[in-house]
């Protein structure tokens, strides 16, 4: 039984707590959070700071605000704890590099929480693309749009920096990298500001992949819609499930839509493309649980991390580049009002 402590008891931290409690190979060693309200009640040991945690811990799940990831990860490494760090891996590339150095020096394993890679359907889609099921990939189109409630941004770290690029689209960037390879260039255009702040709320991103494929991401946290990874897959209990596709990948021999895993084939434009259902009942497994399974295996030295700090740093660099292009200062003018 691996003793795991969770750092950060917010929305995603609470889900990690539940996953560790339910896991047959883990014991919850405690919760670290500066908010006394999150530590009160129940039988879970509570700590206001990581320094208060006893030494008998095998691993830590870091679910704190992004700008604290590198600091908390470096401290965990100094304690000899293996770690699962929520995405993005750090607030900037320099922080990610410091974290990588600390992990390497301490000889601990670090896994980054881009949990969408643990969807069985994503793993199968990646394999099918690699096996030439759609031929050579040509385009990828992705939509993520929902209206986040106003109180999501009220009185917390998101008030000033709650960009959907770093909170949500960073996931989509990582999945596109995972499926289609490295991204070589991006062009991003900002959308209209609807909440009356300078916070990035919506936009459109064009991507070029080293393979020669291209892609687009259209995103908004101000527009209710049925299209988005969480809504389409039902992976997040806090977000309503719509079962609608939100990603479409084309290739020289066909196309596939996700998450329905519908394959489209046909090379005669005078006839409609033929659809095939590639879904599987096992696709319904919870990716956060499968990520925790993998983290335990990583701690035990059975497998390398599916996504380590260096890999996640490449996703971070792309997301930061997009965010910089969307910032008002990058255009030399105020956001559309």
C-alpha atoms as a PDB file:
ATOM      1  CA  UNK A   1       0.000   0.000   0.000  1.00  0.00           C
ATOM      2  CA  UNK A   2       1.465   3.319  -1.102  1.00  0.00           C
ATOM      3  CA  UNK A   3       0.981   6.214   1.303  1.00  0.00           C
ATOM      4  CA  UNK A   4      -0.038   9.279  -0.670  1.00  0.00           C
ATOM      5  CA  UNK A   5      -0.609  12.837   0.494  1.00  0.00           C
ATOM      6  CA  UNK A   6      -2.672  15.283  -1.577  1.00  0.00           C
ATOM      7  CA  UNK A   7      -1.586  18.929  -1.663  1.00  0.00           C
ATOM      8  CA  UNK A   8      -4.470  21.249  -2.494  1.00  0.00           C
ATOM      9  CA  UNK A   9      -8.108  20.535  -1.690  1.00  0.00           C
ATOM     10  CA  UNK A  10      -9.834  22.504  -4.472  1.00  0.00           C
ATOM     11  CA  UNK A  11     -11.986  21.148  -7.308  1.00  0.00           C
ATOM     12  CA  UNK A  12      -9.432  18.744  -8.772  1.00  0.00           C
ATOM     13  CA  UNK A  13      -7.809  18.064  -5.393  1.00  0.00           C
ATOM     14  CA  UNK A  14     -11.134  16.807  -4.053  1.00  0.00           C
ATOM     15  CA  UNK A  15     -11.377  14.354  -6.947  1.00  0.00           C
ATOM     16  CA  UNK A  16      -7.846  13.109  -6.249  1.00  0.00           C
ATOM     17  CA  UNK A  17      -8.733  12.629  -2.577  1.00  0.00           C
ATOM     18  CA  UNK A  18     -11.718  10.486  -3.507  1.00  0.00           C
ATOM     19  CA  UNK A  19      -9.646   8.464  -5.987  1.00  0.00           C
ATOM     20  CA  UNK A  20      -6.896   7.725  -3.439  1.00  0.00           C
ATOM     21  CA  UNK A  21      -9.419   6.749  -0.756  1.00  0.00           C
ATOM     22  CA  UNK A  22     -11.048   4.265  -3.129  1.00  0.00           C
ATOM     23  CA  UNK A  23      -7.868   2.794  -4.601  1.00  0.00           C
ATOM     24  CA  UNK A  24      -6.961  -0.738  -3.438  1.00  0.00           C
ATOM     25  CA  UNK A  25      -3.203  -0.057  -3.582  1.00  0.00           C
ATOM     26  CA  UNK A  26      -3.136   3.336  -1.833  1.00  0.00           C
ATOM     27  CA  UNK A  27      -3.623   4.816   1.606  1.00  0.00           C
ATOM     28  CA  UNK A  28      -4.469   8.500   2.002  1.00  0.00           C
ATOM     29  CA  UNK A  29      -1.763   9.897   4.267  1.00  0.00           C
ATOM     30  CA  UNK A  30      -3.286  13.349   4.520  1.00  0.00           C
ATOM     31  CA  UNK A  31      -4.361  16.602   2.894  1.00  0.00           C
ATOM     32  CA  UNK A  32      -2.212  19.737   2.808  1.00  0.00           C
ATOM     33  CA  UNK A  33      -4.140  22.980   2.415  1.00  0.00           C
ATOM     34  CA  UNK A  34      -3.798  26.426   4.022  1.00  0.00           C
ATOM     35  CA  UNK A  35      -7.593  26.746   4.301  1.00  0.00           C
ATOM     36  CA  UNK A  36      -8.681  25.363   7.712  1.00  0.00           C
ATOM     37  CA  UNK A  37     -12.205  24.795   6.382  1.00  0.00           C
ATOM     38  CA  UNK A  38     -10.912  22.173   3.958  1.00  0.00           C
ATOM     39  CA  UNK A  39      -9.059  20.377   6.750  1.00  0.00           C
ATOM     40  CA  UNK A  40     -11.943  20.201   9.176  1.00  0.00           C
ATOM     41  CA  UNK A  41     -14.112  17.142   9.588  1.00  0.00           C
ATOM     42  CA  UNK A  42     -13.488  13.546   8.618  1.00  0.00           C
ATOM     43  CA  UNK A  43     -10.617  11.305   9.661  1.00  0.00           C
ATOM     44  CA  UNK A  44      -8.029  12.449   7.091  1.00  0.00           C
ATOM     45  CA  UNK A  45      -4.926  13.996   8.697  1.00  0.00           C
ATOM     46  CA  UNK A  46      -4.734  17.667   7.777  1.00  0.00           C
ATOM     47  CA  UNK A  47      -1.647  19.869   7.420  1.00  0.00           C
ATOM     48  CA  UNK A  48      -1.408  23.585   6.752  1.00  0.00           C
ATOM     49  CA  UNK A  49       1.985  23.220   5.060  1.00  0.00           C
ATOM     50  CA  UNK A  50       3.987  20.463   3.343  1.00  0.00           C
ATOM     51  CA  UNK A  51       6.722  20.800   5.954  1.00  0.00           C
ATOM     52  CA  UNK A  52       4.298  19.410   8.575  1.00  0.00           C
ATOM     53  CA  UNK A  53       3.842  16.101   6.732  1.00  0.00           C
ATOM     54  CA  UNK A  54       5.646  13.133   8.375  1.00  0.00           C
ATOM     55  CA  UNK A  55       8.382  11.298   6.509  1.00  0.00           C
ATOM     56  CA  UNK A  56       6.446   8.040   6.037  1.00  0.00           C
ATOM     57  CA  UNK A  57       4.992   9.122   2.685  1.00  0.00           C
ATOM     58  CA  UNK A  58       5.665   7.412  -0.635  1.00  0.00           C
ATOM     59  CA  UNK A  59       4.132   9.905  -3.014  1.00  0.00           C
ATOM     60  CA  UNK A  60       2.393  13.229  -3.316  1.00  0.00           C
ATOM     61  CA  UNK A  61      -0.318  14.538  -5.635  1.00  0.00           C
ATOM     62  CA  UNK A  62       0.188  18.261  -6.202  1.00  0.00           C
ATOM     63  CA  UNK A  63      -3.121  19.950  -7.052  1.00  0.00           C
ATOM     64  CA  UNK A  64      -2.298  23.536  -6.153  1.00  0.00           C
ATOM     65  CA  UNK A  65      -2.534  26.662  -8.369  1.00  0.00           C
ATOM     66  CA  UNK A  66      -0.212  26.471 -11.379  1.00  0.00           C
ATOM     67  CA  UNK A  67       2.280  29.100 -10.189  1.00  0.00           C
ATOM     68  CA  UNK A  68       3.020  26.919  -7.124  1.00  0.00           C
ATOM     69  CA  UNK A  69       3.658  23.647  -8.984  1.00  0.00           C
ATOM     70  CA  UNK A  70       7.426  24.075  -9.387  1.00  0.00           C
ATOM     71  CA  UNK A  71       7.903  25.217  -5.777  1.00  0.00           C
ATOM     72  CA  UNK A  72       5.872  22.364  -4.345  1.00  0.00           C
ATOM     73  CA  UNK A  73       7.402  19.836  -6.736  1.00  0.00           C
ATOM     74  CA  UNK A  74      10.954  20.843  -5.846  1.00  0.00           C
ATOM     75  CA  UNK A  75      10.117  20.548  -2.145  1.00  0.00           C
ATOM     76  CA  UNK A  76       8.576  17.109  -2.685  1.00  0.00           C
ATOM     77  CA  UNK A  77      11.734  16.019  -4.491  1.00  0.00           C
ATOM     78  CA  UNK A  78      13.847  17.229  -1.551  1.00  0.00           C
ATOM     79  CA  UNK A  79      11.774  14.947   0.707  1.00  0.00           C
ATOM     80  CA  UNK A  80      12.317  11.995  -1.629  1.00  0.00           C
ATOM     81  CA  UNK A  81       8.639  11.766  -2.595  1.00  0.00           C
ATOM     82  CA  UNK A  82       7.489  10.574  -5.991  1.00  0.00           C
ATOM     83  CA  UNK A  83       4.951  13.014  -7.415  1.00  0.00           C
ATOM     84  CA  UNK A  84       1.926  13.418  -9.619  1.00  0.00           C
ATOM     85  CA  UNK A  85       1.703  17.098 -10.558  1.00  0.00           C
ATOM     86  CA  UNK A  86      -1.475  18.564 -11.993  1.00  0.00           C
ATOM     87  CA  UNK A  87      -1.193  20.257 -15.364  1.00  0.00           C
ATOM     88  CA  UNK A  88       0.289  22.572 -16.489  1.00  0.00           C
ATOM     89  CA  UNK A  89       3.558  21.264 -15.099  1.00  0.00           C
ATOM     90  CA  UNK A  90       4.590  24.786 -14.015  1.00  0.00           C
ATOM     91  CA  UNK A  91       3.730  28.434 -14.497  1.00  0.00           C
ATOM     92  CA  UNK A  92       6.626  29.029 -16.879  1.00  0.00           C
ATOM     93  CA  UNK A  93       9.334  27.109 -18.685  1.00  0.00           C
ATOM     94  CA  UNK A  94      12.017  28.226 -16.207  1.00  0.00           C
ATOM     95  CA  UNK A  95       9.997  26.705 -13.358  1.00  0.00           C
ATOM     96  CA  UNK A  96       9.617  23.465 -15.296  1.00  0.00           C
ATOM     97  CA  UNK A  97      13.372  23.330 -15.867  1.00  0.00           C
ATOM     98  CA  UNK A  98      14.030  23.835 -12.145  1.00  0.00           C
ATOM     99  CA  UNK A  99      11.586  21.064 -11.359  1.00  0.00           C
ATOM    100  CA  UNK A 100      13.224  18.696 -13.844  1.00  0.00           C
ATOM    101  CA  UNK A 101      16.631  19.385 -12.283  1.00  0.00           C
ATOM    102  CA  UNK A 102      15.273  18.746  -8.765  1.00  0.00           C
ATOM    103  CA  UNK A 103      13.594  15.491  -9.808  1.00  0.00           C
ATOM    104  CA  UNK A 104      16.740  14.264 -11.543  1.00  0.00           C
ATOM    105  CA  UNK A 105      18.956  15.166  -8.588  1.00  0.00           C
ATOM    106  CA  UNK A 106      16.678  13.469  -6.063  1.00  0.00           C
ATOM    107  CA  UNK A 107      16.178  10.370  -8.193  1.00  0.00           C
ATOM    108  CA  UNK A 108      12.399  10.425  -7.798  1.00  0.00           C
ATOM    109  CA  UNK A 109       9.697   9.831 -10.394  1.00  0.00           C
ATOM    110  CA  UNK A 110       7.479  12.689 -11.565  1.00  0.00           C
ATOM    111  CA  UNK A 111       4.254  12.178 -13.501  1.00  0.00           C
ATOM    112  CA  UNK A 112       2.321  15.156 -14.884  1.00  0.00           C
ATOM    113  CA  UNK A 113      -1.482  15.073 -14.743  1.00  0.00           C
ATOM    114  CA  UNK A 114      -2.479  15.380 -18.385  1.00  0.00           C
ATOM    115  CA  UNK A 115      -5.013  12.713 -17.529  1.00  0.00           C
ATOM    116  CA  UNK A 116      -6.731  12.678 -20.919  1.00  0.00           C
ATOM    117  CA  UNK A 117      -3.938  10.436 -22.162  1.00  0.00           C
ATOM    118  CA  UNK A 118      -5.437   7.731 -19.941  1.00  0.00           C
ATOM    119  CA  UNK A 119      -8.718   7.508 -21.835  1.00  0.00           C
ATOM    120  CA  UNK A 120      -8.800   4.077 -23.443  1.00  0.00           C
ATOM    121  CA  UNK A 121     -10.301   5.653 -26.549  1.00  0.00           C
ATOM    122  CA  UNK A 122      -7.405   8.129 -26.819  1.00  0.00           C
ATOM    123  CA  UNK A 123      -4.882   5.304 -26.500  1.00  0.00           C
ATOM    124  CA  UNK A 124      -6.702   3.340 -29.189  1.00  0.00           C
ATOM    125  CA  UNK A 125      -7.035   6.389 -31.458  1.00  0.00           C
ATOM    126  CA  UNK A 126      -3.303   7.042 -31.182  1.00  0.00           C
ATOM    127  CA  UNK A 127      -2.574   3.433 -32.091  1.00  0.00           C
ATOM    128  CA  UNK A 128      -4.961   3.502 -35.065  1.00  0.00           C
ATOM    129  CA  UNK A 129      -3.377   6.704 -36.401  1.00  0.00           C
ATOM    130  CA  UNK A 130       0.095   5.194 -36.007  1.00  0.00           C
ATOM    131  CA  UNK A 131      -1.126   2.086 -37.868  1.00  0.00           C
ATOM    132  CA  UNK A 132      -2.216   4.226 -40.855  1.00  0.00           C
ATOM    133  CA  UNK A 133      -5.964   3.779 -40.301  1.00  0.00           C
ATOM    134  CA  UNK A 134      -6.700   7.244 -41.781  1.00  0.00           C
ATOM    135  CA  UNK A 135      -3.524   7.407 -43.837  1.00  0.00           C
ATOM    136  CA  UNK A 136      -1.213  10.362 -43.368  1.00  0.00           C
ATOM    137  CA  UNK A 137      -2.863  12.926 -41.029  1.00  0.00           C
ATOM    138  CA  UNK A 138      -3.765  16.152 -42.815  1.00  0.00           C
ATOM    139  CA  UNK A 139      -5.963  18.289 -40.529  1.00  0.00           C
ATOM    140  CA  UNK A 140      -7.280  18.363 -36.956  1.00  0.00           C
ATOM    141  CA  UNK A 141     -10.233  20.483 -35.827  1.00  0.00           C
ATOM    142  CA  UNK A 142     -11.124  20.876 -32.156  1.00  0.00           C
ATOM    143  CA  UNK A 143     -13.774  22.853 -30.262  1.00  0.00           C
ATOM    144  CA  UNK A 144     -13.897  23.581 -26.524  1.00  0.00           C
ATOM    145  CA  UNK A 145     -16.696  25.913 -25.469  1.00  0.00           C
ATOM    146  CA  UNK A 146     -18.691  26.314 -22.265  1.00  0.00           C
ATOM    147  CA  UNK A 147     -19.886  29.141 -20.071  1.00  0.00           C
ATOM    148  CA  UNK A 148     -18.112  28.993 -16.753  1.00  0.00           C
ATOM    149  CA  UNK A 149     -20.111  30.462 -13.846  1.00  0.00           C
ATOM    150  CA  UNK A 150     -18.999  33.889 -12.668  1.00  0.00           C
ATOM    151  CA  UNK A 151     -18.260  32.597  -9.149  1.00  0.00           C
ATOM    152  CA  UNK A 152     -15.624  30.285 -10.671  1.00  0.00           C
ATOM    153  CA  UNK A 153     -13.443  33.406 -10.892  1.00  0.00           C
ATOM    154  CA  UNK A 154     -14.518  35.106  -7.663  1.00  0.00           C
ATOM    155  CA  UNK A 155     -12.066  35.578  -4.781  1.00  0.00           C
ATOM    156  CA  UNK A 156      -9.440  33.065  -5.877  1.00  0.00           C
ATOM    157  CA  UNK A 157      -6.302  32.765  -8.017  1.00  0.00           C
ATOM    158  CA  UNK A 158      -8.446  32.677 -11.184  1.00  0.00           C
ATOM    159  CA  UNK A 159      -9.618  36.259 -10.569  1.00  0.00           C
ATOM    160  CA  UNK A 160      -6.493  37.627 -12.257  1.00  0.00           C
ATOM    161  CA  UNK A 161      -5.150  34.658 -14.179  1.00  0.00           C
ATOM    162  CA  UNK A 162      -7.987  32.283 -14.986  1.00  0.00           C
ATOM    163  CA  UNK A 163      -7.191  31.946 -18.679  1.00  0.00           C
ATOM    164  CA  UNK A 164      -8.864  28.961 -20.371  1.00  0.00           C
ATOM    165  CA  UNK A 165      -5.654  28.481 -22.340  1.00  0.00           C
ATOM    166  CA  UNK A 166      -3.702  27.420 -19.248  1.00  0.00           C
ATOM    167  CA  UNK A 167      -6.636  25.754 -17.461  1.00  0.00           C
ATOM    168  CA  UNK A 168      -8.397  23.944 -20.306  1.00  0.00           C
ATOM    169  CA  UNK A 169      -6.821  24.323 -23.758  1.00  0.00           C
ATOM    170  CA  UNK A 170      -3.464  23.121 -22.452  1.00  0.00           C
ATOM    171  CA  UNK A 171      -5.165  19.695 -22.231  1.00  0.00           C
ATOM    172  CA  UNK A 172      -6.251  19.868 -25.865  1.00  0.00           C
ATOM    173  CA  UNK A 173      -2.777  20.947 -26.948  1.00  0.00           C
ATOM    174  CA  UNK A 174      -1.327  17.956 -25.143  1.00  0.00           C
ATOM    175  CA  UNK A 175      -3.772  15.532 -26.762  1.00  0.00           C
ATOM    176  CA  UNK A 176      -2.999  16.892 -30.239  1.00  0.00           C
ATOM    177  CA  UNK A 177       0.732  16.510 -29.526  1.00  0.00           C
ATOM    178  CA  UNK A 178       0.095  12.992 -28.234  1.00  0.00           C
ATOM    179  CA  UNK A 179      -1.854  12.018 -31.364  1.00  0.00           C
ATOM    180  CA  UNK A 180      -0.106  13.931 -34.144  1.00  0.00           C
ATOM    181  CA  UNK A 181       3.393  14.794 -32.916  1.00  0.00           C
ATOM    182  CA  UNK A 182       5.212  18.011 -32.107  1.00  0.00           C
ATOM    183  CA  UNK A 183       3.769  21.433 -32.879  1.00  0.00           C
ATOM    184  CA  UNK A 184       6.150  23.658 -34.827  1.00  0.00           C
ATOM    185  CA  UNK A 185       4.194  26.933 -35.077  1.00  0.00           C
ATOM    186  CA  UNK A 186       1.047  28.636 -33.777  1.00  0.00           C
ATOM    187  CA  UNK A 187      -1.024  31.691 -34.686  1.00  0.00           C
ATOM    188  CA  UNK A 188      -3.661  32.870 -32.196  1.00  0.00           C
ATOM    189  CA  UNK A 189      -6.414  35.487 -32.411  1.00  0.00           C
ATOM    190  CA  UNK A 190      -8.293  36.780 -29.336  1.00  0.00           C
ATOM    191  CA  UNK A 191     -12.062  36.936 -29.054  1.00  0.00           C
ATOM    192  CA  UNK A 192     -14.305  39.581 -27.576  1.00  0.00           C
ATOM    193  CA  UNK A 193     -14.093  40.342 -23.838  1.00  0.00           C
ATOM    194  CA  UNK A 194     -17.548  39.769 -22.354  1.00  0.00           C
ATOM    195  CA  UNK A 195     -16.807  39.885 -18.620  1.00  0.00           C
ATOM    196  CA  UNK A 196     -15.228  43.324 -18.734  1.00  0.00           C
ATOM    197  CA  UNK A 197     -11.702  42.278 -17.808  1.00  0.00           C
ATOM    198  CA  UNK A 198      -8.399  41.741 -19.604  1.00  0.00           C
ATOM    199  CA  UNK A 199      -8.584  38.010 -18.911  1.00  0.00           C
ATOM    200  CA  UNK A 200      -8.406  35.842 -22.023  1.00  0.00           C
ATOM    201  CA  UNK A 201     -11.891  34.396 -22.554  1.00  0.00           C
ATOM    202  CA  UNK A 202     -12.069  33.081 -26.107  1.00  0.00           C
ATOM    203  CA  UNK A 203     -10.105  32.808 -29.287  1.00  0.00           C
ATOM    204  CA  UNK A 204      -9.024  30.833 -32.312  1.00  0.00           C
ATOM    205  CA  UNK A 205      -5.685  29.068 -32.720  1.00  0.00           C
ATOM    206  CA  UNK A 206      -4.044  27.703 -35.871  1.00  0.00           C
ATOM    207  CA  UNK A 207      -1.388  25.013 -35.438  1.00  0.00           C
ATOM    208  CA  UNK A 208       1.327  23.587 -37.665  1.00  0.00           C
ATOM    209  CA  UNK A 209       2.784  20.176 -36.859  1.00  0.00           C
ATOM    210  CA  UNK A 210       6.291  19.035 -37.707  1.00  0.00           C
ATOM    211  CA  UNK A 211       4.708  16.243 -39.767  1.00  0.00           C
ATOM    212  CA  UNK A 212       3.144  18.788 -42.125  1.00  0.00           C
ATOM    213  CA  UNK A 213      -0.375  18.413 -40.739  1.00  0.00           C
ATOM    214  CA  UNK A 214      -2.277  21.497 -39.586  1.00  0.00           C
ATOM    215  CA  UNK A 215      -4.929  22.056 -36.940  1.00  0.00           C
ATOM    216  CA  UNK A 216      -7.314  24.542 -35.370  1.00  0.00           C
ATOM    217  CA  UNK A 217      -8.672  25.050 -31.861  1.00  0.00           C
ATOM    218  CA  UNK A 218     -11.728  27.231 -31.261  1.00  0.00           C
ATOM    219  CA  UNK A 219     -12.328  27.951 -27.567  1.00  0.00           C
ATOM    220  CA  UNK A 220     -14.454  30.029 -25.201  1.00  0.00           C
ATOM    221  CA  UNK A 221     -15.328  30.029 -21.501  1.00  0.00           C
ATOM    222  CA  UNK A 222     -18.220  32.462 -22.124  1.00  0.00           C
ATOM    223  CA  UNK A 223     -20.354  30.392 -24.526  1.00  0.00           C
ATOM    224  CA  UNK A 224     -22.525  27.435 -23.473  1.00  0.00           C
ATOM    225  CA  UNK A 225     -22.289  24.568 -25.952  1.00  0.00           C
ATOM    226  CA  UNK A 226     -22.348  20.760 -26.153  1.00  0.00           C
ATOM    227  CA  UNK A 227     -18.793  20.683 -27.558  1.00  0.00           C
ATOM    228  CA  UNK A 228     -15.789  20.079 -25.358  1.00  0.00           C
ATOM    229  CA  UNK A 229     -13.694  17.148 -24.172  1.00  0.00           C
ATOM    230  CA  UNK A 230     -15.284  16.963 -20.721  1.00  0.00           C
ATOM    231  CA  UNK A 231     -18.841  17.252 -22.046  1.00  0.00           C
ATOM    232  CA  UNK A 232     -18.251  14.810 -24.882  1.00  0.00           C
ATOM    233  CA  UNK A 233     -16.592  12.100 -22.799  1.00  0.00           C
ATOM    234  CA  UNK A 234     -18.420  12.615 -19.486  1.00  0.00           C
ATOM    235  CA  UNK A 235     -15.100  12.464 -17.643  1.00  0.00           C
ATOM    236  CA  UNK A 236     -15.816  15.304 -15.198  1.00  0.00           C
ATOM    237  CA  UNK A 237     -18.719  14.928 -12.720  1.00  0.00           C
ATOM    238  CA  UNK A 238     -18.905  18.735 -12.421  1.00  0.00           C
ATOM    239  CA  UNK A 239     -19.684  19.166 -16.138  1.00  0.00           C
ATOM    240  CA  UNK A 240     -22.800  17.882 -17.877  1.00  0.00           C
ATOM    241  CA  UNK A 241     -22.343  15.068 -20.383  1.00  0.00           C
ATOM    242  CA  UNK A 242     -23.554  15.634 -23.967  1.00  0.00           C
ATOM    243  CA  UNK A 243     -21.854  12.731 -25.820  1.00  0.00           C
ATOM    244  CA  UNK A 244     -21.150  15.096 -28.720  1.00  0.00           C
ATOM    245  CA  UNK A 245     -18.014  14.912 -30.850  1.00  0.00           C
ATOM    246  CA  UNK A 246     -15.554  17.778 -30.379  1.00  0.00           C
ATOM    247  CA  UNK A 247     -12.478  16.686 -32.378  1.00  0.00           C
ATOM    248  CA  UNK A 248     -12.213  15.677 -36.015  1.00  0.00           C
ATOM    249  CA  UNK A 249      -9.018  14.377 -37.635  1.00  0.00           C
ATOM    250  CA  UNK A 250      -8.652  13.870 -41.381  1.00  0.00           C
ATOM    251  CA  UNK A 251      -6.071  11.884 -43.288  1.00  0.00           C
ATOM    252  CA  UNK A 252      -5.244  10.800 -46.824  1.00  0.00           C
ATOM    253  CA  UNK A 253      -7.324   7.614 -46.475  1.00  0.00           C
ATOM    254  CA  UNK A 254     -10.179   8.712 -44.225  1.00  0.00           C
ATOM    255  CA  UNK A 255     -11.175  10.574 -41.094  1.00  0.00           C
ATOM    256  CA  UNK A 256     -12.212   9.977 -37.501  1.00  0.00           C
ATOM    257  CA  UNK A 257     -14.420  11.927 -35.094  1.00  0.00           C
ATOM    258  CA  UNK A 258     -13.941  11.862 -31.318  1.00  0.00           C
ATOM    259  CA  UNK A 259     -15.161  10.837 -28.750  1.00  0.00           C
ATOM    260  CA  UNK A 260     -17.696   8.781 -30.697  1.00  0.00           C
ATOM    261  CA  UNK A 261     -14.753   7.041 -32.420  1.00  0.00           C
ATOM    262  CA  UNK A 262     -16.559   7.157 -35.751  1.00  0.00           C
ATOM    263  CA  UNK A 263     -14.370   6.286 -38.730  1.00  0.00           C
ATOM    264  CA  UNK A 264     -15.199   7.798 -42.132  1.00  0.00           C
ATOM    265  CA  UNK A 265     -13.892   6.199 -45.331  1.00  0.00           C
ATOM    266  CA  UNK A 266     -14.382   6.888 -49.017  1.00  0.00           C
ATOM    267  CA  UNK A 267     -12.296   8.165 -51.917  1.00  0.00           C
ATOM    268  CA  UNK A 268     -15.023   9.058 -54.443  1.00  0.00           C
ATOM    269  CA  UNK A 269     -16.360  12.542 -53.785  1.00  0.00           C
ATOM    270  CA  UNK A 270     -19.550  11.766 -55.682  1.00  0.00           C
ATOM    271  CA  UNK A 271     -20.546   9.269 -52.986  1.00  0.00           C
ATOM    272  CA  UNK A 272     -21.040   9.925 -49.252  1.00  0.00           C
ATOM    273  CA  UNK A 273     -18.305   8.751 -46.906  1.00  0.00           C
ATOM    274  CA  UNK A 274     -19.057   5.474 -45.142  1.00  0.00           C
ATOM    275  CA  UNK A 275     -19.153   5.569 -41.337  1.00  0.00           C
ATOM    276  CA  UNK A 276     -17.890   2.793 -39.070  1.00  0.00           C
ATOM    277  CA  UNK A 277     -18.259   2.622 -35.287  1.00  0.00           C
ATOM    278  CA  UNK A 278     -14.886   2.036 -33.596  1.00  0.00           C
ATOM    279  CA  UNK A 279     -16.128   2.593 -30.020  1.00  0.00           C
ATOM    280  CA  UNK A 280     -15.691   0.017 -27.288  1.00  0.00           C
ATOM    281  CA  UNK A 281     -17.593  -0.520 -23.993  1.00  0.00           C
ATOM    282  CA  UNK A 282     -14.279  -0.325 -22.107  1.00  0.00           C
ATOM    283  CA  UNK A 283     -13.973   3.334 -23.162  1.00  0.00           C
ATOM    284  CA  UNK A 284     -16.157   4.256 -20.182  1.00  0.00           C
ATOM    285  CA  UNK A 285     -13.367   3.649 -17.627  1.00  0.00           C
ATOM    286  CA  UNK A 286     -12.510   6.708 -15.502  1.00  0.00           C
ATOM    287  CA  UNK A 287      -9.208   8.243 -16.695  1.00  0.00           C
ATOM    288  CA  UNK A 288      -8.373   9.785 -13.303  1.00  0.00           C
ATOM    289  CA  UNK A 289      -8.529   6.305 -11.770  1.00  0.00           C
ATOM    290  CA  UNK A 290      -6.354   4.837 -14.539  1.00  0.00           C
ATOM    291  CA  UNK A 291      -3.879   7.686 -14.013  1.00  0.00           C
ATOM    292  CA  UNK A 292      -3.659   6.769 -10.319  1.00  0.00           C
ATOM    293  CA  UNK A 293      -3.113   3.102 -11.265  1.00  0.00           C
ATOM    294  CA  UNK A 294      -0.233   4.254 -13.446  1.00  0.00           C
ATOM    295  CA  UNK A 295       1.187   6.510 -10.708  1.00  0.00           C
ATOM    296  CA  UNK A 296       1.358   3.565  -8.320  1.00  0.00           C
ATOM    297  CA  UNK A 297       3.135   1.502 -10.996  1.00  0.00           C
ATOM    298  CA  UNK A 298       5.562   4.398 -11.574  1.00  0.00           C
ATOM    299  CA  UNK A 299       6.280   4.683  -7.839  1.00  0.00           C
ATOM    300  CA  UNK A 300       7.008   0.960  -7.725  1.00  0.00           C
ATOM    301  CA  UNK A 301       9.399   1.297 -10.653  1.00  0.00           C
ATOM    302  CA  UNK A 302       7.423  -0.981 -12.971  1.00  0.00           C
ATOM    303  CA  UNK A 303       6.935   1.566 -15.796  1.00  0.00           C
ATOM    304  CA  UNK A 304       8.224   5.025 -16.795  1.00  0.00           C
ATOM    305  CA  UNK A 305       5.803   7.978 -16.555  1.00  0.00           C
ATOM    306  CA  UNK A 306       3.439   8.215 -19.503  1.00  0.00           C
ATOM    307  CA  UNK A 307       4.128  11.947 -19.451  1.00  0.00           C
ATOM    308  CA  UNK A 308       7.054  13.262 -17.448  1.00  0.00           C
ATOM    309  CA  UNK A 309       8.245  16.794 -16.748  1.00  0.00           C
ATOM    310  CA  UNK A 310      10.225  17.176 -19.984  1.00  0.00           C
ATOM    311  CA  UNK A 311       7.315  16.008 -22.155  1.00  0.00           C
ATOM    312  CA  UNK A 312       4.813  18.188 -20.294  1.00  0.00           C
ATOM    313  CA  UNK A 313       7.193  21.143 -20.628  1.00  0.00           C
ATOM    314  CA  UNK A 314       6.782  20.998 -24.406  1.00  0.00           C
ATOM    315  CA  UNK A 315       3.016  21.227 -24.018  1.00  0.00           C
ATOM    316  CA  UNK A 316       3.526  24.117 -21.579  1.00  0.00           C
ATOM    317  CA  UNK A 317       5.769  25.993 -24.024  1.00  0.00           C
ATOM    318  CA  UNK A 318       3.132  25.791 -26.771  1.00  0.00           C
ATOM    319  CA  UNK A 319       0.368  26.966 -24.395  1.00  0.00           C
ATOM    320  CA  UNK A 320       2.466  29.874 -23.137  1.00  0.00           C
ATOM    321  CA  UNK A 321       3.233  30.919 -26.702  1.00  0.00           C
ATOM    322  CA  UNK A 322      -0.469  30.945 -27.539  1.00  0.00           C
ATOM    323  CA  UNK A 323      -1.329  32.874 -24.377  1.00  0.00           C
ATOM    324  CA  UNK A 324       1.343  35.472 -25.185  1.00  0.00           C
ATOM    325  CA  UNK A 325      -0.167  36.007 -28.645  1.00  0.00           C
ATOM    326  CA  UNK A 326      -3.641  36.449 -27.134  1.00  0.00           C
ATOM    327  CA  UNK A 327      -2.573  38.968 -24.469  1.00  0.00           C
ATOM    328  CA  UNK A 328      -3.593  42.602 -25.076  1.00  0.00           C
ATOM    329  CA  UNK A 329       0.041  43.756 -24.953  1.00  0.00           C
ATOM    330  CA  UNK A 330       0.945  41.471 -27.852  1.00  0.00           C
ATOM    331  CA  UNK A 331      -1.383  43.390 -30.174  1.00  0.00           C
ATOM    332  CA  UNK A 332      -0.508  46.841 -28.877  1.00  0.00           C
ATOM    333  CA  UNK A 333      -4.172  47.624 -28.312  1.00  0.00           C
ATOM    334  CA  UNK A 334      -7.030  46.986 -25.937  1.00  0.00           C
ATOM    335  CA  UNK A 335      -9.023  43.785 -26.216  1.00  0.00           C
ATOM    336  CA  UNK A 336     -12.248  44.004 -28.208  1.00  0.00           C
ATOM    337  CA  UNK A 337     -14.883  45.505 -25.977  1.00  0.00           C
END
